[in-house]
């Protein structure tokens, strides 16, 4: 259960919920900018509303003018949580 439901998550207790590397089997979405404050807010929202393991990190990509830009990459082990994140996360966090 999520923290919002009042039940502690065993993955949180053992520090295994947020992974430090991008796992190949996770499903990913990206945010256009990398901002440490934004990353903390997204992390807080995920810990409070979702249950599974996840990844938040910085990545590089090419924009429409072929210049390298930093983006925020967010991945979830369970694809349902990615869908819920894209639908339910506050618009000021992900857009």
C-alpha atoms as a PDB file:
ATOM      1  CA  UNK A   1       0.000   0.000   0.000  1.00  0.00           C
ATOM      2  CA  UNK A   2       1.097   3.545  -0.570  1.00  0.00           C
ATOM      3  CA  UNK A   3       2.077   5.883   2.221  1.00  0.00           C
ATOM      4  CA  UNK A   4      -1.059   7.852   1.426  1.00  0.00           C
ATOM      5  CA  UNK A   5      -3.143   4.820   2.496  1.00  0.00           C
ATOM      6  CA  UNK A   6      -1.335   4.729   5.858  1.00  0.00           C
ATOM      7  CA  UNK A   7       0.498   1.431   5.414  1.00  0.00           C
ATOM      8  CA  UNK A   8       4.324   1.404   5.468  1.00  0.00           C
ATOM      9  CA  UNK A   9       6.067  -0.044   2.441  1.00  0.00           C
ATOM     10  CA  UNK A  10       8.756  -2.685   3.188  1.00  0.00           C
ATOM     11  CA  UNK A  11      10.821  -1.450   0.226  1.00  0.00           C
ATOM     12  CA  UNK A  12      11.005   1.990   1.869  1.00  0.00           C
ATOM     13  CA  UNK A  13      12.032   0.477   5.196  1.00  0.00           C
ATOM     14  CA  UNK A  14      14.974  -1.373   3.649  1.00  0.00           C
ATOM     15  CA  UNK A  15      15.921   1.486   1.303  1.00  0.00           C
ATOM     16  CA  UNK A  16      15.274  -0.559  -1.839  1.00  0.00           C
ATOM     17  CA  UNK A  17      12.486   1.409  -3.445  1.00  0.00           C
ATOM     18  CA  UNK A  18      14.400   4.058  -5.391  1.00  0.00           C
ATOM     19  CA  UNK A  19      17.123   2.464  -7.475  1.00  0.00           C
ATOM     20  CA  UNK A  20      20.315   4.372  -8.285  1.00  0.00           C
ATOM     21  CA  UNK A  21      20.729   3.117 -11.866  1.00  0.00           C
ATOM     22  CA  UNK A  22      18.465   2.876 -14.905  1.00  0.00           C
ATOM     23  CA  UNK A  23      17.272  -0.741 -15.033  1.00  0.00           C
ATOM     24  CA  UNK A  24      16.680  -2.056 -18.559  1.00  0.00           C
ATOM     25  CA  UNK A  25      13.317  -3.652 -17.674  1.00  0.00           C
ATOM     26  CA  UNK A  26      11.799  -0.426 -16.274  1.00  0.00           C
ATOM     27  CA  UNK A  27       9.330   1.628 -18.342  1.00  0.00           C
ATOM     28  CA  UNK A  28      10.462   5.262 -18.735  1.00  0.00           C
ATOM     29  CA  UNK A  29       9.145   8.739 -19.338  1.00  0.00           C
ATOM     30  CA  UNK A  30      11.103  11.987 -19.572  1.00  0.00           C
ATOM     31  CA  UNK A  31      10.697  15.557 -18.411  1.00  0.00           C
ATOM     32  CA  UNK A  32      12.159  18.312 -20.568  1.00  0.00           C
ATOM     33  CA  UNK A  33      14.477  19.826 -17.962  1.00  0.00           C
ATOM     34  CA  UNK A  34      16.735  18.565 -15.229  1.00  0.00           C
ATOM     35  CA  UNK A  35      16.227  20.465 -12.012  1.00  0.00           C
ATOM     36  CA  UNK A  36      17.236  19.122  -8.546  1.00  0.00           C
ATOM     37  CA  UNK A  37      14.259  20.840  -6.889  1.00  0.00           C
ATOM     38  CA  UNK A  38      11.874  19.281  -9.397  1.00  0.00           C
ATOM     39  CA  UNK A  39      13.511  15.896  -8.833  1.00  0.00           C
ATOM     40  CA  UNK A  40      12.915  16.170  -5.075  1.00  0.00           C
ATOM     41  CA  UNK A  41       9.256  17.089  -5.596  1.00  0.00           C
ATOM     42  CA  UNK A  42       8.695  14.197  -8.027  1.00  0.00           C
ATOM     43  CA  UNK A  43      10.441  11.817  -5.614  1.00  0.00           C
ATOM     44  CA  UNK A  44       8.229  13.005  -2.765  1.00  0.00           C
ATOM     45  CA  UNK A  45       5.066  12.572  -4.870  1.00  0.00           C
ATOM     46  CA  UNK A  46       6.056   9.048  -5.958  1.00  0.00           C
ATOM     47  CA  UNK A  47       6.899   7.959  -2.391  1.00  0.00           C
ATOM     48  CA  UNK A  48       3.552   9.262  -1.165  1.00  0.00           C
ATOM     49  CA  UNK A  49       1.281   7.937  -3.954  1.00  0.00           C
ATOM     50  CA  UNK A  50       2.850   4.839  -5.524  1.00  0.00           C
ATOM     51  CA  UNK A  51       4.125   1.458  -4.276  1.00  0.00           C
ATOM     52  CA  UNK A  52       6.750  -0.068  -6.568  1.00  0.00           C
ATOM     53  CA  UNK A  53      10.401   0.503  -7.327  1.00  0.00           C
ATOM     54  CA  UNK A  54      11.362   3.514  -9.436  1.00  0.00           C
ATOM     55  CA  UNK A  55      14.273   5.475 -10.870  1.00  0.00           C
ATOM     56  CA  UNK A  56      14.743   9.238 -11.182  1.00  0.00           C
ATOM     57  CA  UNK A  57      17.885  10.544 -12.820  1.00  0.00           C
ATOM     58  CA  UNK A  58      19.565  12.828 -15.273  1.00  0.00           C
ATOM     59  CA  UNK A  59      20.027  11.850 -18.903  1.00  0.00           C
ATOM     60  CA  UNK A  60      21.224  13.415 -22.157  1.00  0.00           C
ATOM     61  CA  UNK A  61      19.247  13.730 -25.360  1.00  0.00           C
ATOM     62  CA  UNK A  62      19.170  15.752 -28.567  1.00  0.00           C
ATOM     63  CA  UNK A  63      16.591  18.494 -28.989  1.00  0.00           C
ATOM     64  CA  UNK A  64      15.007  19.600 -32.271  1.00  0.00           C
ATOM     65  CA  UNK A  65      18.104  21.655 -33.192  1.00  0.00           C
ATOM     66  CA  UNK A  66      20.438  18.677 -32.580  1.00  0.00           C
ATOM     67  CA  UNK A  67      22.036  20.158 -29.480  1.00  0.00           C
ATOM     68  CA  UNK A  68      22.654  18.067 -26.402  1.00  0.00           C
ATOM     69  CA  UNK A  69      20.352  18.889 -23.478  1.00  0.00           C
ATOM     70  CA  UNK A  70      19.880  17.448 -20.001  1.00  0.00           C
ATOM     71  CA  UNK A  71      16.526  15.864 -19.186  1.00  0.00           C
ATOM     72  CA  UNK A  72      14.979  14.154 -16.175  1.00  0.00           C
ATOM     73  CA  UNK A  73      14.343  10.456 -16.766  1.00  0.00           C
ATOM     74  CA  UNK A  74      11.769   8.698 -14.595  1.00  0.00           C
ATOM     75  CA  UNK A  75      11.243   4.943 -14.726  1.00  0.00           C
ATOM     76  CA  UNK A  76       8.928   2.488 -13.025  1.00  0.00           C
ATOM     77  CA  UNK A  77       9.210  -1.272 -12.622  1.00  0.00           C
ATOM     78  CA  UNK A  78       5.435  -1.675 -12.952  1.00  0.00           C
ATOM     79  CA  UNK A  79       4.008  -0.160 -16.117  1.00  0.00           C
ATOM     80  CA  UNK A  80       0.688   0.588 -14.382  1.00  0.00           C
ATOM     81  CA  UNK A  81       2.491   2.986 -12.068  1.00  0.00           C
ATOM     82  CA  UNK A  82       3.955   4.844 -15.046  1.00  0.00           C
ATOM     83  CA  UNK A  83       0.451   5.295 -16.446  1.00  0.00           C
ATOM     84  CA  UNK A  84      -0.870   6.463 -13.078  1.00  0.00           C
ATOM     85  CA  UNK A  85       2.054   8.877 -12.711  1.00  0.00           C
ATOM     86  CA  UNK A  86       1.385  10.443 -16.116  1.00  0.00           C
ATOM     87  CA  UNK A  87      -2.323  10.804 -15.388  1.00  0.00           C
ATOM     88  CA  UNK A  88      -2.394  11.734 -11.697  1.00  0.00           C
ATOM     89  CA  UNK A  89       0.830  13.638 -10.989  1.00  0.00           C
ATOM     90  CA  UNK A  90       0.284  17.382 -10.600  1.00  0.00           C
ATOM     91  CA  UNK A  91       0.681  19.253 -13.870  1.00  0.00           C
ATOM     92  CA  UNK A  92       3.250  21.631 -12.434  1.00  0.00           C
ATOM     93  CA  UNK A  93       5.532  18.648 -11.738  1.00  0.00           C
ATOM     94  CA  UNK A  94       5.463  16.890 -15.083  1.00  0.00           C
ATOM     95  CA  UNK A  95       4.590  19.536 -17.655  1.00  0.00           C
END
